[in-house]
Amino acid sequence: MKFLAVLLLLLTVVGCGYHFPAQGSALPGGVQKIFIPLFANGTAEPRLENYLSSKVSEVFARNENLVQVEDRQQAEAVLEGVISSYRTRAYSYDKNDDISEYRSTMVVNAKFRQIEDGRLLWQGQVSWDDEYPAADDKSLQEDFEQEAIEEISLRLAEELFYRLLDDF
């Protein structure tokens, strides 16, 4: 009976199209040396590019099969991106109809190009959002939003990494 349950679960997972992220071990085109410049910020929110670029570098540095280089000329490919939107809006309200939570959303468009001939190896858009509590204290409210921005940046960096490894 246990065997049948496991088999049924396996068939359900396989049948629904689910797959484990980052099955591949190499970037598109077999790239091993990558240059990651500062992402561009196409929003009015300051410093988003710093947080996101830092997290992207951090996530890609974890992979022992990749080498991040500091000079574009030493790289085989470049990962460039633009933060195309960032928005914060009220997400939930309490019984007094006061805002109790906010949701911030960031959208990034990225391109992965071979340096040698400029060939586009991958292109895509990723987005992520995160909720955080509202606070009467303006300073505390900004701290909560800052934590959400850092979490969103990390999740976007991981999503970019997995998408590149999966070679969508």
Protein backbone atom coordinates (compact mmCIF):
# COMPACT_ATOMS: atom_id res chain seq x y z
CA MET A 1 0.00 0.00 0.00
CA LYS A 2 2.87 2.38 0.84
CA PHE A 3 4.46 1.64 -2.51
CA LEU A 4 1.24 2.52 -4.31
CA ALA A 5 0.97 5.84 -2.45
CA VAL A 6 4.56 6.76 -3.32
CA LEU A 7 4.03 5.77 -6.95
CA LEU A 8 0.86 7.84 -7.13
CA LEU A 9 2.65 10.85 -5.63
CA LEU A 10 5.52 10.47 -8.10
CA LEU A 11 3.16 10.26 -11.06
CA THR A 12 1.27 13.33 -9.84
CA VAL A 13 4.47 15.37 -9.53
CA VAL A 14 5.79 14.25 -12.91
CA GLY A 15 2.39 14.62 -14.56
CA CYS A 16 1.86 18.22 -13.48
CA GLY A 17 5.08 19.39 -15.11
CA TYR A 18 6.88 20.14 -11.85
CA HIS A 19 10.65 19.99 -11.98
CA PHE A 20 13.35 20.77 -9.51
CA PRO A 21 15.00 24.14 -10.20
CA ALA A 22 18.49 24.47 -11.61
CA GLN A 23 18.79 20.97 -13.00
CA GLY A 24 21.54 22.15 -15.32
CA SER A 25 25.06 22.73 -14.09
CA ALA A 26 26.21 25.22 -16.70
CA LEU A 27 25.00 28.51 -18.02
CA PRO A 28 23.73 28.77 -21.61
CA GLY A 29 26.52 28.48 -24.16
CA GLY A 30 28.72 26.66 -21.62
CA VAL A 31 29.77 30.01 -20.13
CA GLN A 32 32.04 29.79 -17.09
CA LYS A 33 33.40 33.35 -16.83
CA ILE A 34 30.74 35.94 -16.26
CA PHE A 35 30.74 39.71 -15.86
CA ILE A 36 27.89 41.25 -13.85
CA PRO A 37 27.81 45.06 -14.04
CA LEU A 38 25.61 47.23 -11.83
CA PHE A 39 22.00 46.74 -12.86
CA ALA A 40 20.24 49.86 -14.12
CA ASN A 41 17.47 51.43 -12.07
CA GLY A 42 14.58 52.54 -14.23
CA THR A 43 12.47 53.52 -11.21
CA ALA A 44 12.23 56.54 -8.95
CA GLU A 45 13.19 54.45 -5.89
CA PRO A 46 16.83 55.20 -4.98
CA ARG A 47 19.54 52.57 -4.48
CA LEU A 48 17.53 49.56 -5.70
CA GLU A 49 20.26 48.83 -8.25
CA ASN A 50 22.84 48.55 -5.46
CA TYR A 51 20.83 46.01 -3.47
CA LEU A 52 19.90 43.90 -6.48
CA SER A 53 23.37 43.94 -8.07
CA SER A 54 24.96 42.94 -4.78
CA LYS A 55 22.57 40.01 -4.31
CA VAL A 56 23.00 38.85 -7.92
CA SER A 57 26.79 38.82 -7.47
CA GLU A 58 26.43 37.00 -4.17
CA VAL A 59 24.14 34.29 -5.59
CA PHE A 60 26.29 33.68 -8.67
CA ALA A 61 29.44 33.54 -6.51
CA ARG A 62 28.00 30.53 -4.66
CA ASN A 63 28.32 28.38 -7.78
CA GLU A 64 31.74 26.80 -7.90
CA ASN A 65 31.49 26.21 -11.67
CA LEU A 66 31.35 29.95 -12.39
CA VAL A 67 33.98 32.64 -12.14
CA GLN A 68 32.88 36.24 -11.82
CA VAL A 69 35.38 38.58 -13.38
CA GLU A 70 35.70 42.30 -12.72
CA ASP A 71 36.64 43.22 -16.27
CA ARG A 72 34.20 42.75 -19.14
CA GLN A 73 37.09 41.83 -21.47
CA GLN A 74 37.99 38.78 -19.34
CA ALA A 75 34.43 37.40 -19.42
CA GLU A 76 32.78 35.00 -21.83
CA ALA A 77 29.37 36.55 -21.20
CA VAL A 78 27.71 39.46 -19.43
CA LEU A 79 24.50 39.48 -17.38
CA GLU A 80 22.87 42.91 -17.61
CA GLY A 81 19.57 43.99 -16.20
CA VAL A 82 17.19 46.87 -15.66
CA ILE A 83 14.85 47.25 -12.72
CA SER A 84 11.82 48.27 -14.75
CA SER A 85 9.40 48.81 -11.89
CA TYR A 86 9.13 49.01 -8.15
CA ARG A 87 5.92 49.64 -6.35
CA THR A 88 4.57 49.56 -2.82
CA ARG A 89 0.88 49.44 -2.07
CA ALA A 90 -1.43 48.73 0.83
CA TYR A 91 -2.02 45.00 1.08
CA SER A 92 -4.25 44.44 4.10
CA TYR A 93 -6.26 46.47 6.58
CA ASP A 94 -7.21 46.05 10.22
CA LYS A 95 -10.72 46.25 11.74
CA ASN A 96 -10.45 50.07 11.88
CA ASP A 97 -9.72 50.17 8.15
CA ASP A 98 -6.12 51.24 8.82
CA ILE A 99 -3.35 49.73 6.72
CA SER A 100 -1.81 46.76 8.54
CA GLU A 101 0.45 45.45 5.76
CA TYR A 102 2.13 46.67 2.60
CA ARG A 103 3.29 44.71 -0.41
CA SER A 104 6.31 45.77 -2.46
CA THR A 105 6.89 44.39 -5.96
CA MET A 106 9.99 44.65 -8.13
CA VAL A 107 10.26 43.69 -11.81
CA VAL A 108 13.60 43.13 -13.56
CA ASN A 109 14.36 42.63 -17.25
CA ALA A 110 17.64 40.83 -17.87
CA LYS A 111 19.81 39.79 -20.80
CA PHE A 112 22.66 37.31 -20.87
CA ARG A 113 24.96 38.00 -23.84
CA GLN A 114 28.08 36.36 -25.16
CA ILE A 115 30.93 38.88 -25.16
CA GLU A 116 32.76 37.61 -28.23
CA ASP A 117 29.98 38.08 -30.79
CA GLY A 118 27.22 39.80 -28.80
CA ARG A 119 24.90 36.85 -29.30
CA LEU A 120 21.91 36.82 -26.95
CA LEU A 121 22.05 33.60 -24.90
CA TRP A 122 19.07 34.30 -22.64
CA GLN A 123 16.56 37.04 -22.04
CA GLY A 124 13.75 37.24 -19.54
CA GLN A 125 11.74 39.10 -16.99
CA VAL A 126 11.50 38.18 -13.32
CA SER A 127 9.43 39.70 -10.57
CA TRP A 128 9.02 39.15 -6.87
CA ASP A 129 6.99 40.68 -4.10
CA ASP A 130 7.09 40.68 -0.34
CA GLU A 131 4.74 41.84 2.38
CA TYR A 132 5.75 43.77 5.46
CA PRO A 133 3.90 45.26 8.43
CA ALA A 134 2.74 48.84 8.59
CA ALA A 135 3.99 51.01 11.45
CA ASP A 136 2.94 54.35 12.89
CA ASP A 137 6.61 55.25 13.37
CA LYS A 138 7.91 56.51 9.97
CA SER A 139 11.46 55.34 10.72
CA LEU A 140 10.29 51.84 11.61
CA GLN A 141 8.10 51.78 8.50
CA GLU A 142 11.15 52.60 6.35
CA ASP A 143 13.13 49.83 8.10
CA PHE A 144 10.39 47.31 7.29
CA GLU A 145 10.34 48.39 3.66
CA GLN A 146 14.14 48.18 3.50
CA GLU A 147 14.04 44.59 4.80
CA ALA A 148 11.44 43.77 2.13
CA ILE A 149 13.65 45.29 -0.59
CA GLU A 150 16.58 43.19 0.56
CA GLU A 151 14.45 40.02 0.57
CA ILE A 152 13.00 40.82 -2.86
CA SER A 153 16.51 41.47 -4.22
CA LEU A 154 17.74 38.11 -2.93
CA ARG A 155 14.76 36.23 -4.37
CA LEU A 156 15.11 37.97 -7.73
CA ALA A 157 18.83 37.13 -7.84
CA GLU A 158 18.07 33.47 -7.11
CA GLU A 159 15.32 33.43 -9.73
CA LEU A 160 17.69 34.86 -12.36
CA PHE A 161 20.29 32.26 -11.45
CA TYR A 162 17.81 29.36 -11.68
CA ARG A 163 16.36 30.59 -14.94
CA LEU A 164 19.81 30.82 -16.50
CA LEU A 165 20.75 27.33 -15.32
CA ASP A 166 17.46 25.92 -16.55
CA ASP A 167 18.14 27.66 -19.89
CA PHE A 168 14.53 28.74 -20.49
